[in-house]
């Protein structure tokens, strides 16, 4: 004959577990927000057309990364246009914040990836024979280990 035992979970324990889950989810979202702010902030000095800084995206699972080309876009040129750079930083940050808001249930997510799908992302990261890269992803990894 099979035997069984039922254990009643007190409502206060359920409430505490729910609060813990909410706190953990809030902490993850804050970390993503911090990462978005940092990534766009350290990318701002390298803004020429705004294509790179607005090509960051958070991806969950499969998905196409956001990628914008710098071809035929107005350039800041040799003298820095601080207002333009700040506008592009804010635009890039807003796009990342939208990505964070689209994540419906963090408990179901195994991995969230920060990507930059700009065609020239490797050039910005590593440079070429003429100029050094900005090592954006290397700096992000160093900051968020």
C-alpha atoms as a PDB file:
ATOM      1  CA  UNK A   1       0.000   0.000   0.000  1.00  0.00           C
ATOM      2  CA  UNK A   2       1.378   3.401  -1.018  1.00  0.00           C
ATOM      3  CA  UNK A   3       1.873   5.994   1.597  1.00  0.00           C
ATOM      4  CA  UNK A   4       2.028   9.743   1.162  1.00  0.00           C
ATOM      5  CA  UNK A   5       2.646  12.805   3.182  1.00  0.00           C
ATOM      6  CA  UNK A   6       1.420  16.277   2.412  1.00  0.00           C
ATOM      7  CA  UNK A   7       3.249  19.337   3.597  1.00  0.00           C
ATOM      8  CA  UNK A   8       1.405  22.613   3.802  1.00  0.00           C
ATOM      9  CA  UNK A   9       3.465  25.644   2.747  1.00  0.00           C
ATOM     10  CA  UNK A  10       2.676  28.644   4.807  1.00  0.00           C
ATOM     11  CA  UNK A  11       1.494  31.713   2.868  1.00  0.00           C
ATOM     12  CA  UNK A  12       4.181  33.809   4.544  1.00  0.00           C
ATOM     13  CA  UNK A  13       6.900  31.540   3.056  1.00  0.00           C
ATOM     14  CA  UNK A  14       5.314  31.810  -0.387  1.00  0.00           C
ATOM     15  CA  UNK A  15       5.288  35.585  -0.050  1.00  0.00           C
ATOM     16  CA  UNK A  16       8.942  35.641   0.995  1.00  0.00           C
ATOM     17  CA  UNK A  17       9.936  33.456  -1.980  1.00  0.00           C
ATOM     18  CA  UNK A  18       7.990  35.747  -4.325  1.00  0.00           C
ATOM     19  CA  UNK A  19       9.709  38.808  -2.827  1.00  0.00           C
ATOM     20  CA  UNK A  20      13.095  37.130  -3.251  1.00  0.00           C
ATOM     21  CA  UNK A  21      12.338  36.368  -6.925  1.00  0.00           C
ATOM     22  CA  UNK A  22      11.268  39.973  -7.495  1.00  0.00           C
ATOM     23  CA  UNK A  23      14.448  41.273  -5.835  1.00  0.00           C
ATOM     24  CA  UNK A  24      16.612  38.955  -7.954  1.00  0.00           C
ATOM     25  CA  UNK A  25      14.827  40.012 -11.150  1.00  0.00           C
ATOM     26  CA  UNK A  26      15.228  43.661 -10.210  1.00  0.00           C
ATOM     27  CA  UNK A  27      18.953  43.130  -9.578  1.00  0.00           C
ATOM     28  CA  UNK A  28      19.426  41.494 -12.990  1.00  0.00           C
ATOM     29  CA  UNK A  29      17.552  44.316 -14.736  1.00  0.00           C
ATOM     30  CA  UNK A  30      19.677  46.875 -12.875  1.00  0.00           C
ATOM     31  CA  UNK A  31      22.861  45.076 -13.965  1.00  0.00           C
ATOM     32  CA  UNK A  32      21.642  45.171 -17.585  1.00  0.00           C
ATOM     33  CA  UNK A  33      20.849  48.884 -17.217  1.00  0.00           C
ATOM     34  CA  UNK A  34      24.330  49.523 -15.750  1.00  0.00           C
ATOM     35  CA  UNK A  35      25.901  47.599 -18.627  1.00  0.00           C
ATOM     36  CA  UNK A  36      23.873  49.619 -21.178  1.00  0.00           C
ATOM     37  CA  UNK A  37      24.918  52.919 -19.603  1.00  0.00           C
ATOM     38  CA  UNK A  38      28.569  51.874 -19.462  1.00  0.00           C
ATOM     39  CA  UNK A  39      28.671  50.528 -23.038  1.00  0.00           C
ATOM     40  CA  UNK A  40      27.169  53.680 -24.513  1.00  0.00           C
ATOM     41  CA  UNK A  41      29.244  55.976 -22.313  1.00  0.00           C
ATOM     42  CA  UNK A  42      32.599  54.459 -23.256  1.00  0.00           C
ATOM     43  CA  UNK A  43      31.545  54.371 -26.914  1.00  0.00           C
ATOM     44  CA  UNK A  44      30.639  58.064 -27.044  1.00  0.00           C
ATOM     45  CA  UNK A  45      34.193  59.343 -27.747  1.00  0.00           C
ATOM     46  CA  UNK A  46      34.391  57.092 -30.817  1.00  0.00           C
ATOM     47  CA  UNK A  47      31.149  58.425 -32.345  1.00  0.00           C
ATOM     48  CA  UNK A  48      31.665  59.576 -35.913  1.00  0.00           C
ATOM     49  CA  UNK A  49      28.321  58.786 -37.558  1.00  0.00           C
ATOM     50  CA  UNK A  50      26.403  57.248 -34.637  1.00  0.00           C
ATOM     51  CA  UNK A  51      25.998  53.914 -36.438  1.00  0.00           C
ATOM     52  CA  UNK A  52      28.147  51.913 -33.990  1.00  0.00           C
ATOM     53  CA  UNK A  53      26.690  53.269 -30.764  1.00  0.00           C
ATOM     54  CA  UNK A  54      23.120  52.753 -31.998  1.00  0.00           C
ATOM     55  CA  UNK A  55      23.895  49.185 -33.130  1.00  0.00           C
ATOM     56  CA  UNK A  56      24.185  47.720 -29.632  1.00  0.00           C
ATOM     57  CA  UNK A  57      21.454  45.260 -28.711  1.00  0.00           C
ATOM     58  CA  UNK A  58      20.591  42.828 -25.958  1.00  0.00           C
ATOM     59  CA  UNK A  59      19.603  39.495 -27.428  1.00  0.00           C
ATOM     60  CA  UNK A  60      17.874  36.632 -25.693  1.00  0.00           C
ATOM     61  CA  UNK A  61      18.354  33.360 -27.520  1.00  0.00           C
ATOM     62  CA  UNK A  62      18.190  33.647 -31.247  1.00  0.00           C
ATOM     63  CA  UNK A  63      17.603  36.924 -32.904  1.00  0.00           C
ATOM     64  CA  UNK A  64      19.134  39.254 -35.313  1.00  0.00           C
ATOM     65  CA  UNK A  65      21.446  41.839 -33.790  1.00  0.00           C
ATOM     66  CA  UNK A  66      20.757  45.481 -34.430  1.00  0.00           C
ATOM     67  CA  UNK A  67      23.229  46.718 -37.024  1.00  0.00           C
ATOM     68  CA  UNK A  68      23.506  50.049 -38.755  1.00  0.00           C
ATOM     69  CA  UNK A  69      25.951  50.987 -41.434  1.00  0.00           C
ATOM     70  CA  UNK A  70      27.957  54.201 -41.335  1.00  0.00           C
ATOM     71  CA  UNK A  71      27.838  54.541 -45.120  1.00  0.00           C
ATOM     72  CA  UNK A  72      26.268  57.775 -46.372  1.00  0.00           C
ATOM     73  CA  UNK A  73      25.731  59.106 -42.846  1.00  0.00           C
ATOM     74  CA  UNK A  74      26.905  62.568 -41.886  1.00  0.00           C
ATOM     75  CA  UNK A  75      30.193  62.501 -39.989  1.00  0.00           C
ATOM     76  CA  UNK A  76      31.371  64.585 -37.074  1.00  0.00           C
ATOM     77  CA  UNK A  77      34.639  65.177 -38.913  1.00  0.00           C
ATOM     78  CA  UNK A  78      37.858  66.248 -37.305  1.00  0.00           C
ATOM     79  CA  UNK A  79      36.304  68.564 -34.742  1.00  0.00           C
ATOM     80  CA  UNK A  80      34.186  66.870 -32.101  1.00  0.00           C
ATOM     81  CA  UNK A  81      30.478  67.662 -32.115  1.00  0.00           C
ATOM     82  CA  UNK A  82      29.597  67.032 -28.480  1.00  0.00           C
ATOM     83  CA  UNK A  83      25.853  67.605 -28.946  1.00  0.00           C
ATOM     84  CA  UNK A  84      25.734  65.063 -31.793  1.00  0.00           C
ATOM     85  CA  UNK A  85      27.730  62.508 -29.798  1.00  0.00           C
ATOM     86  CA  UNK A  86      25.482  62.946 -26.766  1.00  0.00           C
ATOM     87  CA  UNK A  87      22.364  62.613 -28.926  1.00  0.00           C
ATOM     88  CA  UNK A  88      23.663  59.342 -30.379  1.00  0.00           C
ATOM     89  CA  UNK A  89      24.651  58.082 -26.908  1.00  0.00           C
ATOM     90  CA  UNK A  90      21.127  58.756 -25.659  1.00  0.00           C
ATOM     91  CA  UNK A  91      19.637  57.074 -28.728  1.00  0.00           C
ATOM     92  CA  UNK A  92      21.804  53.982 -28.256  1.00  0.00           C
ATOM     93  CA  UNK A  93      20.962  53.831 -24.544  1.00  0.00           C
ATOM     94  CA  UNK A  94      17.233  54.163 -25.263  1.00  0.00           C
ATOM     95  CA  UNK A  95      17.414  51.260 -27.720  1.00  0.00           C
ATOM     96  CA  UNK A  96      19.127  49.066 -25.114  1.00  0.00           C
ATOM     97  CA  UNK A  97      16.544  50.065 -22.514  1.00  0.00           C
ATOM     98  CA  UNK A  98      13.805  49.011 -24.938  1.00  0.00           C
ATOM     99  CA  UNK A  99      15.544  45.645 -25.320  1.00  0.00           C
ATOM    100  CA  UNK A 100      15.583  45.217 -21.521  1.00  0.00           C
ATOM    101  CA  UNK A 101      11.893  46.108 -21.295  1.00  0.00           C
ATOM    102  CA  UNK A 102      11.048  43.461 -23.940  1.00  0.00           C
ATOM    103  CA  UNK A 103      12.401  40.648 -21.762  1.00  0.00           C
ATOM    104  CA  UNK A 104       9.144  39.218 -20.467  1.00  0.00           C
ATOM    105  CA  UNK A 105      10.239  36.625 -17.927  1.00  0.00           C
ATOM    106  CA  UNK A 106      13.829  36.639 -16.722  1.00  0.00           C
ATOM    107  CA  UNK A 107      13.259  33.316 -14.913  1.00  0.00           C
ATOM    108  CA  UNK A 108      12.938  31.643 -18.319  1.00  0.00           C
ATOM    109  CA  UNK A 109      16.121  33.190 -19.745  1.00  0.00           C
ATOM    110  CA  UNK A 110      19.389  31.254 -19.747  1.00  0.00           C
ATOM    111  CA  UNK A 111      21.552  33.851 -21.472  1.00  0.00           C
ATOM    112  CA  UNK A 112      21.389  37.518 -22.424  1.00  0.00           C
ATOM    113  CA  UNK A 113      23.975  38.699 -24.919  1.00  0.00           C
ATOM    114  CA  UNK A 114      25.170  42.221 -25.614  1.00  0.00           C
ATOM    115  CA  UNK A 115      25.957  42.506 -29.305  1.00  0.00           C
ATOM    116  CA  UNK A 116      26.942  45.145 -31.770  1.00  0.00           C
ATOM    117  CA  UNK A 117      25.843  44.284 -35.285  1.00  0.00           C
ATOM    118  CA  UNK A 118      27.333  47.316 -37.052  1.00  0.00           C
ATOM    119  CA  UNK A 119      29.229  46.178 -40.154  1.00  0.00           C
ATOM    120  CA  UNK A 120      32.264  48.077 -38.891  1.00  0.00           C
ATOM    121  CA  UNK A 121      32.109  46.808 -35.275  1.00  0.00           C
ATOM    122  CA  UNK A 122      35.390  44.890 -35.652  1.00  0.00           C
ATOM    123  CA  UNK A 123      37.103  48.052 -36.893  1.00  0.00           C
ATOM    124  CA  UNK A 124      35.823  50.053 -33.905  1.00  0.00           C
ATOM    125  CA  UNK A 125      36.906  47.291 -31.535  1.00  0.00           C
ATOM    126  CA  UNK A 126      40.301  46.412 -33.005  1.00  0.00           C
ATOM    127  CA  UNK A 127      41.227  49.195 -35.412  1.00  0.00           C
ATOM    128  CA  UNK A 128      43.223  48.676 -38.563  1.00  0.00           C
ATOM    129  CA  UNK A 129      46.724  49.473 -39.745  1.00  0.00           C
ATOM    130  CA  UNK A 130      46.024  53.224 -39.672  1.00  0.00           C
ATOM    131  CA  UNK A 131      44.399  53.597 -36.285  1.00  0.00           C
ATOM    132  CA  UNK A 132      44.041  51.761 -32.999  1.00  0.00           C
ATOM    133  CA  UNK A 133      40.703  50.345 -32.012  1.00  0.00           C
ATOM    134  CA  UNK A 134      38.695  51.469 -29.010  1.00  0.00           C
ATOM    135  CA  UNK A 135      38.454  48.001 -27.375  1.00  0.00           C
ATOM    136  CA  UNK A 136      34.871  48.668 -26.281  1.00  0.00           C
ATOM    137  CA  UNK A 137      33.972  45.035 -25.566  1.00  0.00           C
ATOM    138  CA  UNK A 138      37.285  44.408 -23.828  1.00  0.00           C
ATOM    139  CA  UNK A 139      36.555  47.352 -21.514  1.00  0.00           C
ATOM    140  CA  UNK A 140      33.011  46.124 -20.863  1.00  0.00           C
ATOM    141  CA  UNK A 141      34.271  42.620 -20.002  1.00  0.00           C
ATOM    142  CA  UNK A 142      36.879  44.073 -17.681  1.00  0.00           C
ATOM    143  CA  UNK A 143      34.312  46.273 -15.915  1.00  0.00           C
ATOM    144  CA  UNK A 144      31.615  43.604 -15.493  1.00  0.00           C
ATOM    145  CA  UNK A 145      33.577  40.507 -14.477  1.00  0.00           C
END
